[in-house]
PDB file of all heavy atoms in Angstrom:
ATOM      1  N   SER A   1      96.749 114.771  96.635  1.00  0.00           N
ATOM      2  CA  SER A   1      96.542 116.140  96.224  1.00  0.00           C
ATOM      3  C   SER A   1      97.632 117.058  96.760  1.00  0.00           C
ATOM      4  O   SER A   1      98.299 116.760  97.791  1.00  0.00           O
ATOM      5  CB  SER A   1      95.224 116.728  96.806  1.00  0.00           C
ATOM      6  OG  SER A   1      94.134 116.036  96.287  1.00  0.00           O
ATOM      7  N   LEU A   2      97.927 118.117  96.042  1.00  0.00           N
ATOM      8  CA  LEU A   2      98.863 119.144  96.440  1.00  0.00           C
ATOM      9  C   LEU A   2      98.276 120.462  95.992  1.00  0.00           C
ATOM     10  O   LEU A   2      97.486 120.546  95.053  1.00  0.00           O
ATOM     11  CB  LEU A   2     100.199 118.972  95.802  1.00  0.00           C
ATOM     12  CG  LEU A   2     101.182 117.871  96.402  1.00  0.00           C
ATOM     13  CD1 LEU A   2     102.405 117.803  95.470  1.00  0.00           C
ATOM     14  CD2 LEU A   2     101.538 118.186  97.847  1.00  0.00           C
ATOM     15  N   ARG A   3      98.672 121.533  96.690  1.00  0.00           N
ATOM     16  CA  ARG A   3      98.338 122.833  96.341  1.00  0.00           C
ATOM     17  C   ARG A   3      99.512 123.738  96.166  1.00  0.00           C
ATOM     18  O   ARG A   3     100.242 123.893  97.171  1.00  0.00           O
ATOM     19  CB  ARG A   3      97.314 123.446  97.347  1.00  0.00           C
ATOM     20  CG  ARG A   3      96.878 124.844  96.989  1.00  0.00           C
ATOM     21  CD  ARG A   3      95.950 125.434  98.064  1.00  0.00           C
ATOM     22  NE  ARG A   3      94.703 124.643  98.095  1.00  0.00           N
ATOM     23  CZ  ARG A   3      93.883 124.673  99.153  1.00  0.00           C
ATOM     24  NH1 ARG A   3      94.088 125.390 100.199  1.00  0.00           N
ATOM     25  NH2 ARG A   3      92.760 123.988  99.077  1.00  0.00           N
ATOM     26  N   LEU A   4      99.700 124.271  94.980  1.00  0.00           N
ATOM     27  CA  LEU A   4     100.789 125.198  94.728  1.00  0.00           C
ATOM     28  C   LEU A   4     100.287 126.575  94.902  1.00  0.00           C
ATOM     29  O   LEU A   4      99.172 126.952  94.568  1.00  0.00           O
ATOM     30  CB  LEU A   4     101.322 125.000  93.311  1.00  0.00           C
ATOM     31  CG  LEU A   4     101.885 123.634  92.963  1.00  0.00           C
ATOM     32  CD1 LEU A   4     102.419 123.676  91.514  1.00  0.00           C
ATOM     33  CD2 LEU A   4     103.059 123.274  93.921  1.00  0.00           C
ATOM     34  N   SER A   5     101.062 127.463  95.377  1.00  0.00           N
ATOM     35  CA  SER A   5     100.778 128.886  95.469  1.00  0.00           C
ATOM     36  C   SER A   5     101.880 129.722  94.938  1.00  0.00           C
ATOM     37  O   SER A   5     103.088 129.337  94.879  1.00  0.00           O
ATOM     38  CB  SER A   5     100.528 129.315  96.920  1.00  0.00           C
ATOM     39  OG  SER A   5     101.665 129.168  97.701  1.00  0.00           O
ATOM     40  N   CYS A   6     101.514 130.870  94.391  1.00  0.00           N
ATOM     41  CA  CYS A   6     102.506 131.778  93.818  1.00  0.00           C
ATOM     42  C   CYS A   6     102.064 133.216  94.235  1.00  0.00           C
ATOM     43  O   CYS A   6     100.900 133.570  94.018  1.00  0.00           O
ATOM     44  CB  CYS A   6     102.536 131.619  92.327  1.00  0.00           C
ATOM     45  SG  CYS A   6     103.683 132.784  91.495  1.00  0.00           S
ATOM     46  N   ALA A   7     103.005 133.942  94.734  1.00  0.00           N
ATOM     47  CA  ALA A   7     102.741 135.354  95.125  1.00  0.00           C
ATOM     48  C   ALA A   7     103.716 136.288  94.446  1.00  0.00           C
ATOM     49  O   ALA A   7     104.953 135.989  94.423  1.00  0.00           O
ATOM     50  CB  ALA A   7     102.876 135.471  96.647  1.00  0.00           C
ATOM     51  N   ALA A   8     103.146 137.285  93.790  1.00  0.00           N
ATOM     52  CA  ALA A   8     103.982 138.333  93.142  1.00  0.00           C
ATOM     53  C   ALA A   8     104.216 139.429  94.061  1.00  0.00           C
ATOM     54  O   ALA A   8     103.341 140.045  94.693  1.00  0.00           O
ATOM     55  CB  ALA A   8     103.272 138.773  91.888  1.00  0.00           C
ATOM     56  N   SER A   9     105.464 139.848  94.257  1.00  0.00           N
ATOM     57  CA  SER A   9     105.820 140.928  95.085  1.00  0.00           C
ATOM     58  C   SER A   9     106.608 141.962  94.316  1.00  0.00           C
ATOM     59  O   SER A   9     107.189 141.674  93.283  1.00  0.00           O
ATOM     60  CB  SER A   9     106.656 140.474  96.283  1.00  0.00           C
ATOM     61  OG  SER A   9     107.842 139.829  95.934  1.00  0.00           O
ATOM     62  N   GLY A  10     106.669 143.145  94.864  1.00  0.00           N
ATOM     63  CA  GLY A  10     107.357 144.223  94.171  1.00  0.00           C
ATOM     64  C   GLY A  10     106.407 145.276  93.610  1.00  0.00           C
ATOM     65  O   GLY A  10     105.238 145.265  93.928  1.00  0.00           O
ATOM     66  N   ARG A  11     106.915 146.105  92.785  1.00  0.00           N
ATOM     67  CA  ARG A  11     106.136 147.186  92.197  1.00  0.00           C
ATOM     68  C   ARG A  11     105.067 146.614  91.275  1.00  0.00           C
ATOM     69  O   ARG A  11     105.394 145.798  90.409  1.00  0.00           O
ATOM     70  CB  ARG A  11     107.038 148.154  91.477  1.00  0.00           C
ATOM     71  CG  ARG A  11     106.297 149.423  91.017  1.00  0.00           C
ATOM     72  CD  ARG A  11     107.281 150.408  90.473  1.00  0.00           C
ATOM     73  NE  ARG A  11     106.623 151.614  90.042  1.00  0.00           N
ATOM     74  CZ  ARG A  11     107.265 152.649  89.563  1.00  0.00           C
ATOM     75  NH1 ARG A  11     108.562 152.658  89.374  1.00  0.00           N
ATOM     76  NH2 ARG A  11     106.564 153.804  89.250  1.00  0.00           N
ATOM     77  N   PRO A  12     103.842 147.046  91.461  1.00  0.00           N
ATOM     78  CA  PRO A  12     102.766 146.549  90.584  1.00  0.00           C
ATOM     79  C   PRO A  12     103.001 146.869  89.125  1.00  0.00           C
ATOM     80  O   PRO A  12     103.504 147.951  88.771  1.00  0.00           O
ATOM     81  CB  PRO A  12     101.501 147.319  91.056  1.00  0.00           C
ATOM     82  CG  PRO A  12     101.835 147.695  92.521  1.00  0.00           C
ATOM     83  CD  PRO A  12     103.332 147.981  92.517  1.00  0.00           C
ATOM     84  N   VAL A  13     102.641 145.892  88.264  1.00  0.00           N
ATOM     85  CA  VAL A  13     102.809 146.062  86.839  1.00  0.00           C
ATOM     86  C   VAL A  13     101.493 145.525  86.160  1.00  0.00           C
ATOM     87  O   VAL A  13     100.730 144.860  86.813  1.00  0.00           O
ATOM     88  CB  VAL A  13     103.972 145.346  86.286  1.00  0.00           C
ATOM     89  CG1 VAL A  13     105.254 145.883  86.794  1.00  0.00           C
ATOM     90  CG2 VAL A  13     103.869 143.845  86.554  1.00  0.00           C
ATOM     91  N   SER A  14     101.273 145.943  84.954  1.00  0.00           N
ATOM     92  CA  SER A  14     100.164 145.475  84.227  1.00  0.00           C
ATOM     93  C   SER A  14     100.301 143.957  83.942  1.00  0.00           C
ATOM     94  O   SER A  14     101.352 143.542  83.448  1.00  0.00           O
ATOM     95  CB  SER A  14      99.921 146.236  82.907  1.00  0.00           C
ATOM     96  OG  SER A  14      99.693 147.606  83.145  1.00  0.00           O
ATOM     97  N   ARG A  15      99.263 143.202  84.238  1.00  0.00           N
ATOM     98  CA  ARG A  15      99.332 141.735  84.094  1.00  0.00           C
ATOM     99  C   ARG A  15      98.062 141.263  83.294  1.00  0.00           C
ATOM    100  O   ARG A  15      96.964 141.658  83.580  1.00  0.00           O
ATOM    101  CB  ARG A  15      99.367 141.038  85.410  1.00  0.00           C
ATOM    102  CG  ARG A  15     100.516 141.476  86.326  1.00  0.00           C
ATOM    103  CD  ARG A  15     100.496 140.726  87.647  1.00  0.00           C
ATOM    104  NE  ARG A  15     101.463 141.258  88.571  1.00  0.00           N
ATOM    105  CZ  ARG A  15     101.228 142.259  89.498  1.00  0.00           C
ATOM    106  NH1 ARG A  15     100.023 142.784  89.491  1.00  0.00           N
ATOM    107  NH2 ARG A  15     102.169 142.612  90.268  1.00  0.00           N
ATOM    108  N   TYR A  16      98.305 140.453  82.253  1.00  0.00           N
ATOM    109  CA  TYR A  16      97.270 139.840  81.524  1.00  0.00           C
ATOM    110  C   TYR A  16      96.775 138.589  82.171  1.00  0.00           C
ATOM    111  O   TYR A  16      95.534 138.349  82.258  1.00  0.00           O
ATOM    112  CB  TYR A  16      97.748 139.589  80.115  1.00  0.00           C
ATOM    113  CG  TYR A  16      96.774 138.791  79.292  1.00  0.00           C
ATOM    114  CD1 TYR A  16      95.598 139.379  78.843  1.00  0.00           C
ATOM    115  CD2 TYR A  16      97.056 137.485  78.879  1.00  0.00           C
ATOM    116  CE1 TYR A  16      94.720 138.662  78.050  1.00  0.00           C
ATOM    117  CE2 TYR A  16      96.185 136.721  78.167  1.00  0.00           C
ATOM    118  CZ  TYR A  16      94.986 137.357  77.717  1.00  0.00           C
ATOM    119  OH  TYR A  16      94.067 136.648  76.945  1.00  0.00           O
ATOM    120  N   ALA A  17      97.678 137.702  82.583  1.00  0.00           N
ATOM    121  CA  ALA A  17      97.298 136.423  83.179  1.00  0.00           C
ATOM    122  C   ALA A  17      98.431 135.948  84.061  1.00  0.00           C
ATOM    123  O   ALA A  17      99.529 136.404  84.046  1.00  0.00           O
ATOM    124  CB  ALA A  17      97.026 135.396  82.103  1.00  0.00           C
ATOM    125  N   MET A  18      98.071 134.962  84.902  1.00  0.00           N
ATOM    126  CA  MET A  18      99.036 134.378  85.806  1.00  0.00           C
ATOM    127  C   MET A  18      98.773 132.848  85.944  1.00  0.00           C
ATOM    128  O   MET A  18      97.628 132.474  85.952  1.00  0.00           O
ATOM    129  CB  MET A  18      98.942 135.057  87.164  1.00  0.00           C
ATOM    130  CG  MET A  18     100.043 134.776  88.145  1.00  0.00           C
ATOM    131  SD  MET A  18      99.895 135.935  89.573  1.00  0.00           S
ATOM    132  CE  MET A  18     101.227 135.364  90.608  1.00  0.00           C
ATOM    133  N   GLY A  19      99.774 132.028  85.872  1.00  0.00           N
ATOM    134  CA  GLY A  19      99.595 130.638  86.013  1.00  0.00           C
ATOM    135  C   GLY A  19     100.837 129.839  86.063  1.00  0.00           C
ATOM    136  O   GLY A  19     101.843 130.329  86.608  1.00  0.00           O
ATOM    137  N   TRP A  20     100.768 128.596  85.548  1.00  0.00           N
ATOM    138  CA  TRP A  20     101.956 127.713  85.643  1.00  0.00           C
ATOM    139  C   TRP A  20     102.285 126.994  84.340  1.00  0.00           C
ATOM    140  O   TRP A  20     101.400 126.651  83.553  1.00  0.00           O
ATOM    141  CB  TRP A  20     101.655 126.583  86.660  1.00  0.00           C
ATOM    142  CG  TRP A  20     102.014 126.963  88.101  1.00  0.00           C
ATOM    143  CD1 TRP A  20     103.229 126.776  88.697  1.00  0.00           C
ATOM    144  CD2 TRP A  20     101.147 127.519  89.052  1.00  0.00           C
ATOM    145  NE1 TRP A  20     103.102 127.205  89.991  1.00  0.00           N
ATOM    146  CE2 TRP A  20     101.904 127.714  90.213  1.00  0.00           C
ATOM    147  CE3 TRP A  20      99.772 127.978  88.983  1.00  0.00           C
ATOM    148  CZ2 TRP A  20     101.281 128.254  91.384  1.00  0.00           C
ATOM    149  CZ3 TRP A  20      99.267 128.503  90.120  1.00  0.00           C
ATOM    150  CH2 TRP A  20      99.942 128.684  91.279  1.00  0.00           C
ATOM    151  N   PHE A  21     103.537 126.802  84.139  1.00  0.00           N
ATOM    152  CA  PHE A  21     104.142 125.811  83.183  1.00  0.00           C
ATOM    153  C   PHE A  21     104.785 124.742  84.077  1.00  0.00           C
ATOM    154  O   PHE A  21     105.019 124.856  85.238  1.00  0.00           O
ATOM    155  CB  PHE A  21     105.235 126.452  82.318  1.00  0.00           C
ATOM    156  CG  PHE A  21     104.686 127.349  81.187  1.00  0.00           C
ATOM    157  CD1 PHE A  21     104.236 128.667  81.520  1.00  0.00           C
ATOM    158  CD2 PHE A  21     104.584 126.844  79.908  1.00  0.00           C
ATOM    159  CE1 PHE A  21     103.735 129.422  80.482  1.00  0.00           C
ATOM    160  CE2 PHE A  21     104.067 127.718  78.893  1.00  0.00           C
ATOM    161  CZ  PHE A  21     103.662 128.992  79.224  1.00  0.00           C
ATOM    162  N   ARG A  22     105.100 123.612  83.396  1.00  0.00           N
ATOM    163  CA  ARG A  22     105.839 122.521  84.032  1.00  0.00           C
ATOM    164  C   ARG A  22     106.762 121.886  83.063  1.00  0.00           C
ATOM    165  O   ARG A  22     106.607 121.885  81.851  1.00  0.00           O
ATOM    166  CB  ARG A  22     104.904 121.467  84.680  1.00  0.00           C
ATOM    167  CG  ARG A  22     104.121 120.623  83.665  1.00  0.00           C
ATOM    168  CD  ARG A  22     103.182 119.714  84.331  1.00  0.00           C
ATOM    169  NE  ARG A  22     102.449 118.890  83.398  1.00  0.00           N
ATOM    170  CZ  ARG A  22     101.434 118.088  83.752  1.00  0.00           C
ATOM    171  NH1 ARG A  22     101.060 117.975  84.975  1.00  0.00           N
ATOM    172  NH2 ARG A  22     100.820 117.298  82.819  1.00  0.00           N
ATOM    173  N   GLN A  23     107.821 121.300  83.627  1.00  0.00           N
ATOM    174  CA  GLN A  23     108.794 120.595  82.791  1.00  0.00           C
ATOM    175  C   GLN A  23     109.221 119.285  83.526  1.00  0.00           C
ATOM    176  O   GLN A  23     109.727 119.329  84.629  1.00  0.00           O
ATOM    177  CB  GLN A  23     110.038 121.437  82.535  1.00  0.00           C
ATOM    178  CG  GLN A  23     110.998 120.841  81.558  1.00  0.00           C
ATOM    179  CD  GLN A  23     112.011 121.831  80.994  1.00  0.00           C
ATOM    180  OE1 GLN A  23     112.246 122.837  81.589  1.00  0.00           O
ATOM    181  NE2 GLN A  23     112.558 121.520  79.857  1.00  0.00           N
ATOM    182  N   ALA A  24     108.929 118.157  82.886  1.00  0.00           N
ATOM    183  CA  ALA A  24     109.256 116.851  83.388  1.00  0.00           C
ATOM    184  C   ALA A  24     110.623 116.485  82.834  1.00  0.00           C
ATOM    185  O   ALA A  24     111.072 116.934  81.773  1.00  0.00           O
ATOM    186  CB  ALA A  24     108.236 115.836  82.983  1.00  0.00           C
ATOM    187  N   PRO A  25     111.330 115.560  83.549  1.00  0.00           N
ATOM    188  CA  PRO A  25     112.628 115.129  83.079  1.00  0.00           C
ATOM    189  C   PRO A  25     112.555 114.550  81.638  1.00  0.00           C
ATOM    190  O   PRO A  25     111.694 113.736  81.313  1.00  0.00           O
ATOM    191  CB  PRO A  25     112.980 114.006  84.044  1.00  0.00           C
ATOM    192  CG  PRO A  25     112.293 114.330  85.307  1.00  0.00           C
ATOM    193  CD  PRO A  25     110.954 114.906  84.803  1.00  0.00           C
ATOM    194  N   GLY A  26     113.423 115.047  80.731  1.00  0.00           N
ATOM    195  CA  GLY A  26     113.485 114.589  79.371  1.00  0.00           C
ATOM    196  C   GLY A  26     112.404 115.107  78.503  1.00  0.00           C
ATOM    197  O   GLY A  26     112.339 114.654  77.347  1.00  0.00           O
ATOM    198  N   LYS A  27     111.578 115.995  78.974  1.00  0.00           N
ATOM    199  CA  LYS A  27     110.528 116.582  78.220  1.00  0.00           C
ATOM    200  C   LYS A  27     110.625 118.040  78.092  1.00  0.00           C
ATOM    201  O   LYS A  27     111.276 118.681  78.925  1.00  0.00           O
ATOM    202  CB  LYS A  27     109.133 116.177  78.725  1.00  0.00           C
ATOM    203  CG  LYS A  27     108.886 114.716  78.757  1.00  0.00           C
ATOM    204  CD  LYS A  27     107.449 114.364  79.229  1.00  0.00           C
ATOM    205  CE  LYS A  27     106.407 114.829  78.253  1.00  0.00           C
ATOM    206  NZ  LYS A  27     105.024 114.510  78.682  1.00  0.00           N
ATOM    207  N   GLU A  28     109.948 118.610  77.096  1.00  0.00           N
ATOM    208  CA  GLU A  28     109.979 120.053  76.920  1.00  0.00           C
ATOM    209  C   GLU A  28     108.956 120.745  77.909  1.00  0.00           C
ATOM    210  O   GLU A  28     108.024 120.056  78.393  1.00  0.00           O
ATOM    211  CB  GLU A  28     109.679 120.513  75.484  1.00  0.00           C
ATOM    212  CG  GLU A  28     108.280 120.109  75.034  1.00  0.00           C
ATOM    213  CD  GLU A  28     108.040 120.487  73.587  1.00  0.00           C
ATOM    214  OE1 GLU A  28     108.978 120.931  72.910  1.00  0.00           O
ATOM    215  OE2 GLU A  28     106.875 120.299  73.098  1.00  0.00           O
ATOM    216  N   ARG A  29     109.208 122.012  78.205  1.00  0.00           N
ATOM    217  CA  ARG A  29     108.279 122.716  79.043  1.00  0.00           C
ATOM    218  C   ARG A  29     106.864 122.784  78.402  1.00  0.00           C
ATOM    219  O   ARG A  29     106.762 123.041  77.200  1.00  0.00           O
ATOM    220  CB  ARG A  29     108.812 124.121  79.311  1.00  0.00           C
ATOM    221  CG  ARG A  29     107.959 124.944  80.314  1.00  0.00           C
ATOM    222  CD  ARG A  29     108.598 126.300  80.468  1.00  0.00           C
ATOM    223  NE  ARG A  29     108.567 127.038  79.182  1.00  0.00           N
ATOM    224  CZ  ARG A  29     108.938 128.229  79.046  1.00  0.00           C
ATOM    225  NH1 ARG A  29     109.566 128.936  80.025  1.00  0.00           N
ATOM    226  NH2 ARG A  29     108.872 128.873  77.845  1.00  0.00           N
ATOM    227  N   GLU A  30     105.833 122.626  79.183  1.00  0.00           N
ATOM    228  CA  GLU A  30     104.493 122.749  78.708  1.00  0.00           C
ATOM    229  C   GLU A  30     103.643 123.593  79.610  1.00  0.00           C
ATOM    230  O   GLU A  30     103.843 123.680  80.769  1.00  0.00           O
ATOM    231  CB  GLU A  30     103.871 121.311  78.613  1.00  0.00           C
ATOM    232  CG  GLU A  30     103.584 120.645  79.923  1.00  0.00           C
ATOM    233  CD  GLU A  30     102.757 119.409  79.786  1.00  0.00           C
ATOM    234  OE1 GLU A  30     102.105 119.186  78.745  1.00  0.00           O
ATOM    235  OE2 GLU A  30     102.779 118.565  80.749  1.00  0.00           O
ATOM    236  N   PHE A  31     102.640 124.232  78.954  1.00  0.00           N
ATOM    237  CA  PHE A  31     101.694 124.996  79.655  1.00  0.00           C
ATOM    238  C   PHE A  31     100.753 124.128  80.460  1.00  0.00           C
ATOM    239  O   PHE A  31     100.404 122.978  80.022  1.00  0.00           O
ATOM    240  CB  PHE A  31     100.824 125.823  78.680  1.00  0.00           C
ATOM    241  CG  PHE A  31      99.632 126.426  79.209  1.00  0.00           C
ATOM    242  CD1 PHE A  31      99.680 127.578  79.965  1.00  0.00           C
ATOM    243  CD2 PHE A  31      98.354 125.802  78.994  1.00  0.00           C
ATOM    244  CE1 PHE A  31      98.538 128.112  80.487  1.00  0.00           C
ATOM    245  CE2 PHE A  31      97.232 126.341  79.524  1.00  0.00           C
ATOM    246  CZ  PHE A  31      97.292 127.496  80.288  1.00  0.00           C
ATOM    247  N   VAL A  32     100.398 124.583  81.694  1.00  0.00           N
ATOM    248  CA  VAL A  32      99.554 123.807  82.592  1.00  0.00           C
ATOM    249  C   VAL A  32      98.192 124.467  82.758  1.00  0.00           C
ATOM    250  O   VAL A  32      97.150 123.931  82.437  1.00  0.00           O
ATOM    251  CB  VAL A  32     100.201 123.555  83.964  1.00  0.00           C
ATOM    252  CG1 VAL A  32      99.269 122.742  84.823  1.00  0.00           C
ATOM    253  CG2 VAL A  32     101.526 122.828  83.832  1.00  0.00           C
ATOM    254  N   ALA A  33      98.196 125.689  83.304  1.00  0.00           N
ATOM    255  CA  ALA A  33      96.986 126.365  83.598  1.00  0.00           C
ATOM    256  C   ALA A  33      97.294 127.829  83.784  1.00  0.00           C
ATOM    257  O   ALA A  33      98.358 128.212  84.188  1.00  0.00           O
ATOM    258  CB  ALA A  33      96.323 125.815  84.832  1.00  0.00           C
ATOM    259  N   ARG A  34      96.307 128.626  83.577  1.00  0.00           N
ATOM    260  CA  ARG A  34      96.417 130.095  83.863  1.00  0.00           C
ATOM    261  C   ARG A  34      95.016 130.687  84.162  1.00  0.00           C
ATOM    262  O   ARG A  34      94.012 130.087  83.723  1.00  0.00           O
ATOM    263  CB  ARG A  34      97.123 130.826  82.794  1.00  0.00           C
ATOM    264  CG  ARG A  34      96.296 130.979  81.452  1.00  0.00           C
ATOM    265  CD  ARG A  34      97.104 131.739  80.484  1.00  0.00           C
ATOM    266  NE  ARG A  34      96.365 131.942  79.245  1.00  0.00           N
ATOM    267  CZ  ARG A  34      96.818 132.708  78.168  1.00  0.00           C
ATOM    268  NH1 ARG A  34      97.978 133.311  78.274  1.00  0.00           N
ATOM    269  NH2 ARG A  34      96.074 132.748  77.113  1.00  0.00           N
ATOM    270  N   ILE A  35      95.044 131.836  84.769  1.00  0.00           N
ATOM    271  CA  ILE A  35      93.826 132.637  84.984  1.00  0.00           C
ATOM    272  C   ILE A  35      94.023 133.980  84.312  1.00  0.00           C
ATOM    273  O   ILE A  35      95.063 134.658  84.557  1.00  0.00           O
ATOM    274  CB  ILE A  35      93.474 132.756  86.462  1.00  0.00           C
ATOM    275  CG1 ILE A  35      92.178 133.593  86.604  1.00  0.00           C
ATOM    276  CG2 ILE A  35      94.611 133.383  87.272  1.00  0.00           C
ATOM    277  CD1 ILE A  35      91.596 133.545  88.017  1.00  0.00           C
ATOM    278  N   ILE A  36      93.132 134.313  83.410  1.00  0.00           N
ATOM    279  CA  ILE A  36      93.154 135.628  82.736  1.00  0.00           C
ATOM    280  C   ILE A  36      92.420 136.582  83.569  1.00  0.00           C
ATOM    281  O   ILE A  36      91.182 136.368  83.831  1.00  0.00           O
ATOM    282  CB  ILE A  36      92.612 135.529  81.327  1.00  0.00           C
ATOM    283  CG1 ILE A  36      93.369 134.452  80.520  1.00  0.00           C
ATOM    284  CG2 ILE A  36      92.605 136.876  80.640  1.00  0.00           C
ATOM    285  CD1 ILE A  36      92.720 134.196  79.136  1.00  0.00           C
ATOM    286  N   TRP A  37      93.090 137.583  84.064  1.00  0.00           N
ATOM    287  CA  TRP A  37      92.478 138.455  85.063  1.00  0.00           C
ATOM    288  C   TRP A  37      91.251 139.180  84.589  1.00  0.00           C
ATOM    289  O   TRP A  37      90.230 139.261  85.267  1.00  0.00           O
ATOM    290  CB  TRP A  37      93.521 139.474  85.591  1.00  0.00           C
ATOM    291  CG  TRP A  37      94.648 138.797  86.382  1.00  0.00           C
ATOM    292  CD1 TRP A  37      95.971 138.854  86.029  1.00  0.00           C
ATOM    293  CD2 TRP A  37      94.541 138.016  87.499  1.00  0.00           C
ATOM    294  NE1 TRP A  37      96.694 138.189  86.982  1.00  0.00           N
ATOM    295  CE2 TRP A  37      95.836 137.630  87.876  1.00  0.00           C
ATOM    296  CE3 TRP A  37      93.450 137.611  88.352  1.00  0.00           C
ATOM    297  CZ2 TRP A  37      96.101 136.808  89.003  1.00  0.00           C
ATOM    298  CZ3 TRP A  37      93.717 136.835  89.414  1.00  0.00           C
ATOM    299  CH2 TRP A  37      95.075 136.433  89.756  1.00  0.00           C
ATOM    300  N   ARG A  38      91.337 139.643  83.337  1.00  0.00           N
ATOM    301  CA  ARG A  38      90.165 140.353  82.782  1.00  0.00           C
ATOM    302  C   ARG A  38      89.119 139.266  82.395  1.00  0.00           C
ATOM    303  O   ARG A  38      89.331 138.507  81.405  1.00  0.00           O
ATOM    304  CB  ARG A  38      90.572 141.178  81.557  1.00  0.00           C
ATOM    305  CG  ARG A  38      89.454 141.993  81.015  1.00  0.00           C
ATOM    306  CD  ARG A  38      89.980 142.949  79.901  1.00  0.00           C
ATOM    307  NE  ARG A  38      88.964 143.799  79.413  1.00  0.00           N
ATOM    308  CZ  ARG A  38      89.163 144.764  78.520  1.00  0.00           C
ATOM    309  NH1 ARG A  38      90.339 144.970  78.014  1.00  0.00           N
ATOM    310  NH2 ARG A  38      88.103 145.547  78.135  1.00  0.00           N
ATOM    311  N   GLY A  39      88.073 139.252  83.143  1.00  0.00           N
ATOM    312  CA  GLY A  39      87.021 138.278  82.964  1.00  0.00           C
ATOM    313  C   GLY A  39      87.137 137.047  83.888  1.00  0.00           C
ATOM    314  O   GLY A  39      86.202 136.250  83.888  1.00  0.00           O
ATOM    315  N   ASP A  40      88.221 136.972  84.593  1.00  0.00           N
ATOM    316  CA  ASP A  40      88.413 135.810  85.515  1.00  0.00           C
ATOM    317  C   ASP A  40      88.272 134.500  84.791  1.00  0.00           C
ATOM    318  O   ASP A  40      87.585 133.584  85.265  1.00  0.00           O
ATOM    319  CB  ASP A  40      87.465 135.923  86.710  1.00  0.00           C
ATOM    320  CG  ASP A  40      87.924 135.126  87.858  1.00  0.00           C
ATOM    321  OD1 ASP A  40      89.114 134.920  88.100  1.00  0.00           O
ATOM    322  OD2 ASP A  40      87.037 134.653  88.688  1.00  0.00           O
ATOM    323  N   ILE A  41      88.885 134.397  83.680  1.00  0.00           N
ATOM    324  CA  ILE A  41      88.787 133.214  82.789  1.00  0.00           C
ATOM    325  C   ILE A  41      89.977 132.258  83.079  1.00  0.00           C
ATOM    326  O   ILE A  41      91.086 132.655  83.125  1.00  0.00           O
ATOM    327  CB  ILE A  41      88.758 133.642  81.286  1.00  0.00           C
ATOM    328  CG1 ILE A  41      87.654 134.552  80.993  1.00  0.00           C
ATOM    329  CG2 ILE A  41      88.787 132.382  80.376  1.00  0.00           C
ATOM    330  CD1 ILE A  41      87.728 135.263  79.667  1.00  0.00           C
ATOM    331  N   THR A  42      89.634 131.008  83.294  1.00  0.00           N
ATOM    332  CA  THR A  42      90.639 129.975  83.480  1.00  0.00           C
ATOM    333  C   THR A  42      90.818 129.092  82.253  1.00  0.00           C
ATOM    334  O   THR A  42      89.913 128.789  81.516  1.00  0.00           O
ATOM    335  CB  THR A  42      90.263 129.079  84.712  1.00  0.00           C
ATOM    336  OG1 THR A  42      89.018 128.459  84.452  1.00  0.00           O
ATOM    337  CG2 THR A  42      90.194 129.935  85.966  1.00  0.00           C
ATOM    338  N   GLU A  43      92.130 128.713  82.049  1.00  0.00           N
ATOM    339  CA  GLU A  43      92.442 127.802  80.899  1.00  0.00           C
ATOM    340  C   GLU A  43      93.358 126.708  81.435  1.00  0.00           C
ATOM    341  O   GLU A  43      94.158 126.928  82.332  1.00  0.00           O
ATOM    342  CB  GLU A  43      93.154 128.614  79.808  1.00  0.00           C
ATOM    343  CG  GLU A  43      92.376 129.690  79.193  1.00  0.00           C
ATOM    344  CD  GLU A  43      93.128 130.469  78.199  1.00  0.00           C
ATOM    345  OE1 GLU A  43      94.381 130.435  78.171  1.00  0.00           O
ATOM    346  OE2 GLU A  43      92.507 131.113  77.280  1.00  0.00           O
TER     347      GLU A  43
END
């Protein structure tokens, strides 16, 4: 197991969702997961 963290710093802005993409060697970038703040919905 591993745990990734991400922290946003700076002036607050309107945000719809926050999450991760990933890119493996030789492959295109792909969506991994996100949390939609309105409703606390995960995908």
